[in-house]
Amino acid sequence: MTQELTVLVYAAVLGLVMVLLPPVVDGATGGRRYFNWNAGTRDTPFEVNPTAERLRRAFSNFMETFVFFAVIVIALAFADKSSAHSVNGAWLYLGARILYVPCYAFGIKYVRSAVWAVSLAGILMCLYTLLT
């Protein structure tokens, strides 16, 4: 397995952790909204505490980039084009996505956007390797 695929697996684990964070944070602060919503019909949106809501949006943002990262990394493996540049790009993506979670959860403006841009740079590094 290439190093990029290993990073992809770690990114998937990060996604699993991120999907669990909002309900855990909501429950830890006395909320039962996630659990009640999940047990019901899920027809209507619901409100949670601000941190849990930011974590929910952080996961949504993660999913917007993860699919592109995954496709590019899998294509790199199929094309047998792994390089130091793409490995560094994959790790850059993962590191930035990990840093993105607390930046979003704690509402750290501007830094959060910069961290997102770094994760995009990691994807672009992998894409460059694939296309050259």
Protein backbone atom coordinates (compact mmCIF):
# COMPACT_ATOMS: atom_id res chain seq x y z
CA MET A 1 0.00 0.00 0.00
CA THR A 2 1.35 3.43 -0.91
CA GLN A 3 1.94 6.05 1.74
CA GLU A 4 -0.78 8.17 0.17
CA LEU A 5 -3.27 5.32 0.61
CA THR A 6 -2.19 4.99 4.23
CA VAL A 7 -2.88 8.70 4.71
CA LEU A 8 -6.25 8.21 3.01
CA VAL A 9 -7.16 5.56 5.57
CA TYR A 10 -6.12 7.91 8.39
CA ALA A 11 -8.24 10.63 6.81
CA ALA A 12 -11.21 8.24 6.74
CA VAL A 13 -10.65 7.54 10.45
CA LEU A 14 -10.58 11.29 11.04
CA GLY A 15 -13.93 11.51 9.23
CA LEU A 16 -15.40 8.83 11.49
CA VAL A 17 -14.19 10.70 14.56
CA MET A 18 -15.60 13.94 13.20
CA VAL A 19 -19.04 12.44 12.59
CA LEU A 20 -19.15 11.37 16.24
CA LEU A 21 -17.88 14.63 17.75
CA PRO A 22 -21.05 16.78 17.46
CA PRO A 23 -23.37 14.37 19.28
CA VAL A 24 -20.74 13.65 21.92
CA VAL A 25 -20.11 17.35 22.54
CA ASP A 26 -23.84 18.05 22.58
CA GLY A 27 -24.44 15.21 25.04
CA ALA A 28 -21.50 16.23 27.24
CA THR A 29 -23.06 19.68 27.66
CA GLY A 30 -26.39 18.24 28.78
CA GLY A 31 -28.06 18.17 25.38
CA ARG A 32 -30.10 15.27 24.11
CA ARG A 33 -31.05 16.82 20.79
CA TYR A 34 -28.89 14.59 18.60
CA PHE A 35 -30.06 11.44 20.31
CA ASN A 36 -33.74 12.43 20.18
CA TRP A 37 -33.43 13.48 16.53
CA ASN A 38 -31.61 10.29 15.60
CA ALA A 39 -34.29 8.13 17.24
CA GLY A 40 -37.09 10.03 15.48
CA THR A 41 -38.11 10.58 11.89
CA ARG A 42 -35.36 13.18 11.19
CA ASP A 43 -37.92 15.33 9.34
CA THR A 44 -36.99 18.64 10.92
CA PRO A 45 -33.67 20.32 11.63
CA PHE A 46 -32.69 20.87 15.23
CA GLU A 47 -30.48 23.20 17.20
CA VAL A 48 -27.51 22.15 19.28
CA ASN A 49 -25.01 24.14 21.31
CA PRO A 50 -22.70 26.39 19.26
CA THR A 51 -19.62 24.16 19.56
CA ALA A 52 -21.51 21.06 18.43
CA GLU A 53 -22.97 23.06 15.53
CA ARG A 54 -19.51 24.24 14.48
CA LEU A 55 -18.26 20.64 14.65
CA ARG A 56 -21.17 19.58 12.45
CA ARG A 57 -20.20 22.24 9.89
CA ALA A 58 -16.53 21.22 10.13
CA PHE A 59 -17.51 17.65 9.22
CA SER A 60 -19.58 18.90 6.31
CA ASN A 61 -16.59 20.90 5.10
CA PHE A 62 -14.33 17.86 5.52
CA MET A 63 -16.64 15.78 3.32
CA GLU A 64 -16.53 18.45 0.61
CA THR A 65 -12.79 17.95 0.17
CA PHE A 66 -12.36 14.33 1.23
CA VAL A 67 -13.97 12.87 -1.87
CA PHE A 68 -11.57 14.77 -4.17
CA PHE A 69 -8.59 13.76 -2.05
CA ALA A 70 -9.71 10.13 -2.10
CA VAL A 71 -10.19 10.01 -5.87
CA ILE A 72 -6.79 11.58 -6.52
CA VAL A 73 -4.97 9.31 -4.05
CA ILE A 74 -6.62 6.18 -5.48
CA ALA A 75 -5.76 7.33 -9.00
CA LEU A 76 -2.15 7.85 -7.89
CA ALA A 77 -2.04 4.27 -6.64
CA PHE A 78 -3.57 2.85 -9.83
CA ALA A 79 -1.22 4.92 -12.00
CA ASP A 80 1.75 3.93 -9.82
CA LYS A 81 2.77 7.58 -9.61
CA SER A 82 3.59 7.95 -5.93
CA SER A 83 6.40 10.42 -5.27
CA ALA A 84 7.87 12.36 -2.39
CA HIS A 85 5.82 15.35 -3.60
CA SER A 86 2.51 13.47 -3.45
CA VAL A 87 3.37 11.83 -0.11
CA ASN A 88 4.13 15.26 1.36
CA GLY A 89 0.91 16.59 -0.14
CA ALA A 90 -1.12 13.78 1.40
CA TRP A 91 0.38 14.34 4.84
CA LEU A 92 -0.11 18.09 4.44
CA TYR A 93 -3.80 17.50 3.67
CA LEU A 94 -4.28 15.24 6.69
CA GLY A 95 -2.38 17.51 9.07
CA ALA A 96 -4.35 20.54 7.95
CA ARG A 97 -7.67 18.69 8.24
CA ILE A 98 -6.78 17.67 11.80
CA LEU A 99 -5.89 21.28 12.70
CA TYR A 100 -9.08 22.47 11.02
CA VAL A 101 -11.29 20.74 13.61
CA PRO A 102 -10.25 22.77 16.67
CA CYS A 103 -9.97 25.94 14.59
CA TYR A 104 -13.59 25.54 13.55
CA ALA A 105 -14.83 24.25 16.92
CA PHE A 106 -13.39 27.21 18.79
CA GLY A 107 -14.36 29.74 16.13
CA ILE A 108 -10.82 30.84 15.24
CA LYS A 109 -11.43 33.07 12.25
CA TYR A 110 -8.86 33.60 9.49
CA VAL A 111 -6.57 30.89 10.85
CA ARG A 112 -9.30 28.37 10.02
CA SER A 113 -9.41 29.66 6.44
CA ALA A 114 -5.62 29.52 6.17
CA VAL A 115 -5.61 25.93 7.44
CA TRP A 116 -8.27 25.04 4.86
CA ALA A 117 -6.07 26.57 2.15
CA VAL A 118 -3.14 24.42 3.32
CA SER A 119 -5.30 21.30 3.02
CA LEU A 120 -6.22 22.36 -0.52
CA ALA A 121 -2.53 22.83 -1.30
CA GLY A 122 -1.96 19.23 -0.17
CA ILE A 123 -4.65 18.01 -2.57
CA LEU A 124 -3.14 20.07 -5.38
CA MET A 125 0.31 18.62 -4.70
CA CYS A 126 -1.13 15.12 -5.14
CA LEU A 127 -3.00 16.19 -8.27
CA TYR A 128 0.15 17.72 -9.75
CA THR A 129 1.99 14.42 -9.25
CA LEU A 130 -0.85 12.53 -10.88
CA LEU A 131 -0.97 14.80 -13.92
CA THR A 132 2.77 15.06 -14.57
